[in-house]
């Protein structure tokens, strides 16, 4: 398997070479620092030497500069050379080896790959296949904890653990009294980082699974035209808005109903803490309902909002599709205008 691991890492490096510059400098350096920690197998929370990280960063950037025009390599599996984007065929070939692989396009139509150890998989009643990975053997600079690819949902436990650590570490710089502070207070971070992360990962695995179930259902509702629309909207504010609308739809159908059932207070805090700028901009009433819950302890305001918002986001998503059908490659401006008009 070493040749396979090296090939997937090579393809991941090409992605980083082409798209590492898409991040702001601070985000890029933080992601590179965590990639260094992953490559070296260092425990989360271990202090990193500035000189060692600096030397590694210099060498890595020189390596990536040589790969900007490189072509993705086929994967060597069982004596065959397989297309690196044919994830389903590759996973069939990898099943006897206890490995899982994903490939596809993420935000801004960037290619994405990862290879990890398969913890388990199960098929749901409505058709999707859930694959859970543990230790990761190859990954890109961008390592989302969960992804939906066609009829498969990938949950990445190691990536989620790192994501939670990065969120907590970023909060430590300011220790602001906010939703992240409330989420962290639910776990023993002050006494045992590993135990806190173990508990938080266990809770958040259920949350990201719920979100991806919502994503899968949204894909069935909106159809293949949605992905075609995102390609035409690539690298525009309208793309960010469309992705935020679909995320809100997924969360209002699956994630938020689960969180407000009771017993998920820590995850509800973390959910609000993790909302990106565009999602906050389009759905300000969600934070208002969250603060009402903090004051009263009653989730009924959130529940009423979620029930109303599900139809709102589904209708808006369909109007976006209609605008794309009408304007095709020129749809970015009218779609953005429609989203701005429909803030909830």
Protein backbone atom coordinates (compact mmCIF):
# COMPACT_ATOMS: atom_id res chain seq x y z
CA UNK A 1 0.00 0.00 0.00
CA UNK A 2 2.94 2.40 0.31
CA UNK A 3 2.93 3.17 -3.43
CA UNK A 4 -0.80 3.95 -3.19
CA UNK A 5 -0.29 6.24 -0.16
CA UNK A 6 2.54 8.11 -1.89
CA UNK A 7 0.46 8.55 -5.06
CA UNK A 8 -2.55 9.94 -3.19
CA UNK A 9 -0.24 12.27 -1.23
CA UNK A 10 1.28 13.41 -4.54
CA UNK A 11 -2.19 14.25 -5.86
CA UNK A 12 -3.02 16.05 -2.62
CA UNK A 13 0.18 18.08 -2.99
CA UNK A 14 -0.90 19.14 -6.48
CA UNK A 15 -4.20 20.39 -5.04
CA UNK A 16 -2.29 22.34 -2.36
CA UNK A 17 0.09 23.75 -4.97
CA UNK A 18 -2.78 25.03 -7.11
CA UNK A 19 -5.12 26.23 -4.38
CA UNK A 20 -3.12 26.94 -1.22
CA UNK A 21 -3.00 30.57 -2.26
CA UNK A 22 -6.81 30.75 -2.20
CA UNK A 23 -6.67 31.21 1.58
CA UNK A 24 -5.83 34.39 3.43
CA UNK A 25 -2.28 34.40 4.77
CA UNK A 26 -3.30 33.76 8.41
CA UNK A 27 -5.60 30.86 7.49
CA UNK A 28 -2.96 29.43 5.18
CA UNK A 29 -0.25 29.50 7.86
CA UNK A 30 -2.54 27.92 10.45
CA UNK A 31 -3.49 25.14 8.05
CA UNK A 32 0.16 24.56 7.14
CA UNK A 33 1.10 24.38 10.81
CA UNK A 34 -1.53 21.70 11.45
CA UNK A 35 -0.43 19.83 8.31
CA UNK A 36 3.10 19.83 9.77
CA UNK A 37 1.72 18.41 13.03
CA UNK A 38 -0.15 15.70 11.09
CA UNK A 39 2.85 14.76 8.95
CA UNK A 40 5.07 14.45 12.04
CA UNK A 41 2.44 12.54 14.00
CA UNK A 42 2.62 15.07 16.87
CA UNK A 43 -0.13 15.06 19.52
CA UNK A 44 -2.58 17.94 19.43
CA UNK A 45 -1.54 20.64 21.85
CA UNK A 46 2.18 19.86 21.58
CA UNK A 47 4.15 23.13 21.32
CA UNK A 48 5.74 23.48 17.89
CA UNK A 49 9.26 24.80 17.42
CA UNK A 50 9.29 27.91 15.23
CA UNK A 51 12.58 27.00 13.54
CA UNK A 52 11.50 23.45 12.74
CA UNK A 53 8.14 24.56 11.35
CA UNK A 54 9.80 27.40 9.42
CA UNK A 55 12.33 25.07 7.79
CA UNK A 56 9.58 22.59 6.90
CA UNK A 57 7.40 25.35 5.47
CA UNK A 58 10.23 26.66 3.28
CA UNK A 59 10.96 23.17 1.94
CA UNK A 60 7.29 22.40 1.38
CA UNK A 61 6.58 25.60 -0.52
CA UNK A 62 9.59 24.90 -2.77
CA UNK A 63 8.19 21.40 -3.37
CA UNK A 64 4.71 22.74 -4.15
CA UNK A 65 6.05 25.29 -6.63
CA UNK A 66 7.28 22.40 -8.75
CA UNK A 67 3.81 20.82 -8.84
CA UNK A 68 1.57 23.69 -9.97
CA UNK A 69 1.46 22.38 -13.55
CA UNK A 70 1.72 18.68 -12.69
CA UNK A 71 -0.95 16.16 -13.68
CA UNK A 72 -2.79 13.95 -11.22
CA UNK A 73 -1.46 10.40 -11.16
CA UNK A 74 -3.48 7.23 -11.53
CA UNK A 75 -3.63 5.09 -8.39
CA UNK A 76 -1.79 1.73 -8.36
CA UNK A 77 -4.15 -0.85 -6.83
CA UNK A 78 -4.01 -4.60 -7.40
CA UNK A 79 -1.87 -4.31 -10.50
CA UNK A 80 -4.22 -1.75 -12.06
CA UNK A 81 -3.82 1.97 -12.69
CA UNK A 82 -7.08 3.59 -11.61
CA UNK A 83 -8.51 7.04 -12.38
CA UNK A 84 -8.04 9.08 -9.16
CA UNK A 85 -11.57 10.52 -9.50
CA UNK A 86 -13.27 7.11 -9.81
CA UNK A 87 -13.83 6.89 -6.05
CA UNK A 88 -16.45 4.15 -6.07
CA UNK A 89 -14.33 1.75 -8.13
CA UNK A 90 -11.32 2.56 -5.95
CA UNK A 91 -13.26 1.90 -2.74
CA UNK A 92 -14.41 -1.44 -4.11
CA UNK A 93 -10.78 -2.36 -4.78
CA UNK A 94 -9.66 -1.11 -1.35
CA UNK A 95 -12.37 -2.89 0.66
CA UNK A 96 -10.21 -6.00 1.36
CA UNK A 97 -7.45 -3.73 2.70
CA UNK A 98 -9.63 -1.89 5.23
CA UNK A 99 -9.10 1.49 3.59
CA UNK A 100 -11.43 4.24 2.40
CA UNK A 101 -10.85 6.85 -0.30
CA UNK A 102 -12.66 9.95 -1.45
CA UNK A 103 -12.23 12.23 -4.45
CA UNK A 104 -14.23 15.06 -5.92
CA UNK A 105 -14.69 18.80 -6.07
CA UNK A 106 -15.22 21.01 -3.00
CA UNK A 107 -15.78 24.76 -2.56
CA UNK A 108 -14.86 26.71 -5.66
CA UNK A 109 -14.61 23.49 -7.71
CA UNK A 110 -11.29 22.61 -6.11
CA UNK A 111 -10.24 18.96 -6.47
CA UNK A 112 -9.99 17.08 -3.21
CA UNK A 113 -8.60 13.68 -2.15
CA UNK A 114 -8.08 11.70 1.02
CA UNK A 115 -7.12 8.16 2.02
CA UNK A 116 -7.71 6.71 5.46
CA UNK A 117 -8.31 3.59 7.50
CA UNK A 118 -11.93 2.43 7.31
CA UNK A 119 -13.59 2.19 10.73
CA UNK A 120 -16.93 1.01 9.40
CA UNK A 121 -19.68 1.51 6.88
CA UNK A 122 -23.43 1.05 6.79
CA UNK A 123 -26.20 1.63 4.29
CA UNK A 124 -29.23 3.67 5.31
CA UNK A 125 -32.84 2.98 4.43
CA UNK A 126 -33.01 5.86 1.94
CA UNK A 127 -30.06 4.57 -0.05
CA UNK A 128 -26.89 6.41 0.97
CA UNK A 129 -23.77 4.60 2.16
CA UNK A 130 -22.11 6.00 5.29
CA UNK A 131 -18.33 5.46 5.49
CA UNK A 132 -16.42 6.38 8.66
CA UNK A 133 -12.63 6.76 8.58
CA UNK A 134 -10.12 6.80 11.40
CA UNK A 135 -6.39 7.42 10.96
CA UNK A 136 -5.67 9.33 7.75
CA UNK A 137 -2.86 8.27 5.44
CA UNK A 138 -3.10 11.03 2.83
CA UNK A 139 -4.90 14.39 2.95
CA UNK A 140 -4.97 17.85 1.44
CA UNK A 141 -4.35 21.14 3.22
CA UNK A 142 -8.13 21.46 3.36
CA UNK A 143 -9.49 18.47 5.30
CA UNK A 144 -13.27 18.78 5.87
CA UNK A 145 -14.56 16.44 8.60
CA UNK A 146 -17.49 15.31 6.47
CA UNK A 147 -18.39 15.16 2.79
CA UNK A 148 -21.25 13.89 0.67
CA UNK A 149 -20.23 12.40 -2.66
CA UNK A 150 -23.09 11.12 -4.77
CA UNK A 151 -24.77 8.41 -2.68
CA UNK A 152 -21.86 8.15 -0.20
CA UNK A 153 -21.31 10.12 3.00
CA UNK A 154 -17.77 10.24 4.40
CA UNK A 155 -17.19 11.05 8.06
CA UNK A 156 -13.52 11.63 8.97
CA UNK A 157 -12.93 11.11 12.69
CA UNK A 158 -9.29 12.23 12.70
CA UNK A 159 -10.10 15.31 10.63
CA UNK A 160 -12.97 16.17 12.99
CA UNK A 161 -10.65 15.89 15.98
CA UNK A 162 -8.18 18.29 14.41
CA UNK A 163 -10.98 20.64 13.41
CA UNK A 164 -12.26 20.77 16.99
CA UNK A 165 -8.76 21.34 18.30
CA UNK A 166 -8.21 24.22 15.88
CA UNK A 167 -11.51 25.82 16.93
CA UNK A 168 -10.61 25.50 20.60
CA UNK A 169 -7.05 26.74 20.11
CA UNK A 170 -8.28 29.78 18.15
CA UNK A 171 -10.73 30.59 20.95
CA UNK A 172 -7.90 30.40 23.52
CA UNK A 173 -6.25 33.46 21.97
CA UNK A 174 -9.07 35.71 23.14
CA UNK A 175 -11.17 33.56 25.51
CA UNK A 176 -14.17 35.61 24.41
CA UNK A 177 -17.41 34.99 26.28
CA UNK A 178 -19.31 33.58 23.32
CA UNK A 179 -20.86 30.39 21.99
CA UNK A 180 -17.44 28.72 21.70
CA UNK A 181 -16.75 29.49 25.37
CA UNK A 182 -20.06 27.85 26.31
CA UNK A 183 -19.27 24.80 24.19
CA UNK A 184 -15.76 24.42 25.66
CA UNK A 185 -17.11 24.75 29.21
CA UNK A 186 -19.10 21.53 28.67
CA UNK A 187 -15.87 19.51 28.42
CA UNK A 188 -12.81 19.09 30.71
CA UNK A 189 -10.37 21.07 28.55
CA UNK A 190 -8.68 22.66 31.56
CA UNK A 191 -7.80 19.30 33.13
CA UNK A 192 -7.47 16.84 30.23
CA UNK A 193 -7.21 17.92 26.60
CA UNK A 194 -7.38 14.35 25.25
CA UNK A 195 -10.44 13.41 27.32
CA UNK A 196 -12.17 16.64 26.31
CA UNK A 197 -11.48 16.05 22.63
CA UNK A 198 -12.60 12.40 22.90
CA UNK A 199 -15.93 13.48 24.37
CA UNK A 200 -16.40 16.33 21.93
CA UNK A 201 -15.58 14.15 18.92
CA UNK A 202 -18.14 11.57 20.06
CA UNK A 203 -20.81 14.27 20.31
CA UNK A 204 -19.95 16.06 17.08
CA UNK A 205 -19.76 12.88 14.98
CA UNK A 206 -23.52 12.60 15.42
CA UNK A 207 -23.95 16.25 14.44
CA UNK A 208 -21.93 16.08 11.25
CA UNK A 209 -23.69 12.85 10.31
CA UNK A 210 -27.03 14.62 10.72
CA UNK A 211 -25.83 17.50 8.54
CA UNK A 212 -24.59 15.16 5.82
CA UNK A 213 -27.90 13.28 5.91
CA UNK A 214 -29.53 16.65 5.30
CA UNK A 215 -27.08 17.34 2.47
CA UNK A 216 -27.93 13.99 0.88
CA UNK A 217 -31.66 14.72 1.13
CA UNK A 218 -31.12 18.21 -0.30
CA UNK A 219 -29.28 16.64 -3.21
CA UNK A 220 -32.28 14.42 -3.93
CA UNK A 221 -34.64 17.40 -3.69
CA UNK A 222 -32.61 19.81 -5.81
CA UNK A 223 -31.23 17.41 -8.39
CA UNK A 224 -28.05 17.35 -10.47
CA UNK A 225 -28.70 20.85 -11.79
CA UNK A 226 -27.53 22.24 -8.42
CA UNK A 227 -23.93 21.10 -8.98
CA UNK A 228 -24.01 22.46 -12.53
CA UNK A 229 -25.16 25.80 -11.12
CA UNK A 230 -22.31 25.86 -8.57
CA UNK A 231 -19.77 25.33 -11.35
CA UNK A 232 -21.16 28.34 -13.24
CA UNK A 233 -21.12 30.41 -10.03
CA UNK A 234 -17.57 29.41 -9.09
CA UNK A 235 -15.47 32.02 -7.22
CA UNK A 236 -18.39 34.50 -6.90
CA UNK A 237 -20.37 35.73 -3.88
CA UNK A 238 -23.37 33.92 -5.36
CA UNK A 239 -21.57 30.60 -4.97
CA UNK A 240 -20.98 31.28 -1.27
CA UNK A 241 -24.63 32.25 -0.88
CA UNK A 242 -25.88 29.15 -2.68
CA UNK A 243 -23.71 26.89 -0.52
CA UNK A 244 -24.93 28.66 2.62
CA UNK A 245 -28.57 28.24 1.55
CA UNK A 246 -28.12 24.52 1.00
CA UNK A 247 -26.32 24.18 4.34
CA UNK A 248 -29.20 25.93 6.08
CA UNK A 249 -31.69 23.65 4.33
CA UNK A 250 -29.74 20.56 5.43
CA UNK A 251 -29.53 21.79 9.01
CA UNK A 252 -33.20 22.76 9.22
CA UNK A 253 -34.29 19.32 8.00
CA UNK A 254 -31.88 17.22 10.09
CA UNK A 255 -29.24 18.88 12.29
CA UNK A 256 -31.21 21.48 14.24
CA UNK A 257 -34.23 19.24 14.93
CA UNK A 258 -31.81 16.74 16.50
CA UNK A 259 -30.01 19.41 18.55
CA UNK A 260 -33.16 20.89 20.07
CA UNK A 261 -34.58 17.54 21.15
CA UNK A 262 -32.66 17.82 24.44
CA UNK A 263 -29.35 16.58 25.76
CA UNK A 264 -27.34 18.28 23.01
CA UNK A 265 -26.69 21.65 24.64
CA UNK A 266 -22.91 21.51 24.09
CA UNK A 267 -23.38 20.73 20.40
CA UNK A 268 -25.94 23.51 20.01
CA UNK A 269 -23.40 25.98 21.42
CA UNK A 270 -20.74 24.64 19.05
CA UNK A 271 -23.12 24.74 16.09
CA UNK A 272 -23.71 28.46 16.59
CA UNK A 273 -19.99 29.06 17.23
CA UNK A 274 -19.13 27.38 13.92
CA UNK A 275 -21.50 29.32 11.67
CA UNK A 276 -19.54 31.03 8.93
CA UNK A 277 -19.94 34.68 7.99
CA UNK A 278 -22.21 34.05 5.01
CA UNK A 279 -24.49 31.74 6.95
CA UNK A 280 -24.82 34.32 9.72
CA UNK A 281 -25.53 37.04 7.18
CA UNK A 282 -28.37 35.11 5.53
CA UNK A 283 -29.92 33.71 8.73
CA UNK A 284 -29.58 36.32 11.53
CA UNK A 285 -32.81 35.16 13.19
CA UNK A 286 -31.10 31.88 14.12
CA UNK A 287 -28.65 33.63 16.44
CA UNK A 288 -31.50 35.67 17.87
CA UNK A 289 -33.39 32.46 18.67
CA UNK A 290 -30.22 30.99 20.19
CA UNK A 291 -29.85 33.96 22.54
CA UNK A 292 -33.51 33.69 23.47
CA UNK A 293 -32.85 30.07 24.44
CA UNK A 294 -29.88 31.15 26.57
CA UNK A 295 -32.15 33.51 28.46
CA UNK A 296 -35.13 31.20 28.90
CA UNK A 297 -33.79 27.65 28.59
CA UNK A 298 -36.74 26.96 26.28
CA UNK A 299 -35.98 25.69 22.76
CA UNK A 300 -39.49 26.32 21.43
CA UNK A 301 -38.44 29.58 19.74
CA UNK A 302 -35.71 27.74 17.85
CA UNK A 303 -38.10 24.90 16.97
CA UNK A 304 -40.69 27.31 15.52
CA UNK A 305 -38.01 29.12 13.54
CA UNK A 306 -36.56 25.88 12.15
CA UNK A 307 -39.99 24.63 11.04
CA UNK A 308 -40.58 27.89 9.16
CA UNK A 309 -37.01 28.13 7.82
CA UNK A 310 -37.03 24.69 6.20
CA UNK A 311 -39.60 25.80 3.64
CA UNK A 312 -37.90 29.18 3.27
CA UNK A 313 -34.51 27.72 2.33
CA UNK A 314 -35.98 25.05 0.06
CA UNK A 315 -38.01 27.64 -1.83
CA UNK A 316 -35.02 29.96 -2.12
CA UNK A 317 -32.82 27.14 -3.41
CA UNK A 318 -35.38 26.34 -6.08
CA UNK A 319 -35.63 29.99 -7.10
CA UNK A 320 -31.84 30.03 -7.44
CA UNK A 321 -32.08 27.04 -9.77
CA UNK A 322 -34.76 28.80 -11.81
CA UNK A 323 -32.57 31.90 -12.12
CA UNK A 324 -29.67 29.76 -13.25
CA UNK A 325 -31.83 28.04 -15.84
CA UNK A 326 -32.88 31.46 -17.15
CA UNK A 327 -29.49 33.21 -17.08
CA UNK A 328 -26.98 30.31 -17.29
CA UNK A 329 -23.43 31.65 -17.06
CA UNK A 330 -24.70 35.15 -16.22
CA UNK A 331 -26.76 34.01 -13.23
CA UNK A 332 -24.37 35.07 -10.44
CA UNK A 333 -25.70 38.61 -10.04
CA UNK A 334 -29.46 37.82 -10.03
CA UNK A 335 -28.88 34.86 -7.68
CA UNK A 336 -26.93 37.01 -5.25
CA UNK A 337 -29.64 39.69 -5.39
CA UNK A 338 -32.33 37.10 -4.66
CA UNK A 339 -30.40 35.75 -1.67
CA UNK A 340 -29.88 39.24 -0.27
CA UNK A 341 -33.62 39.92 -0.65
CA UNK A 342 -34.53 36.74 1.24
CA UNK A 343 -32.52 37.10 4.45
CA UNK A 344 -34.36 35.37 7.29
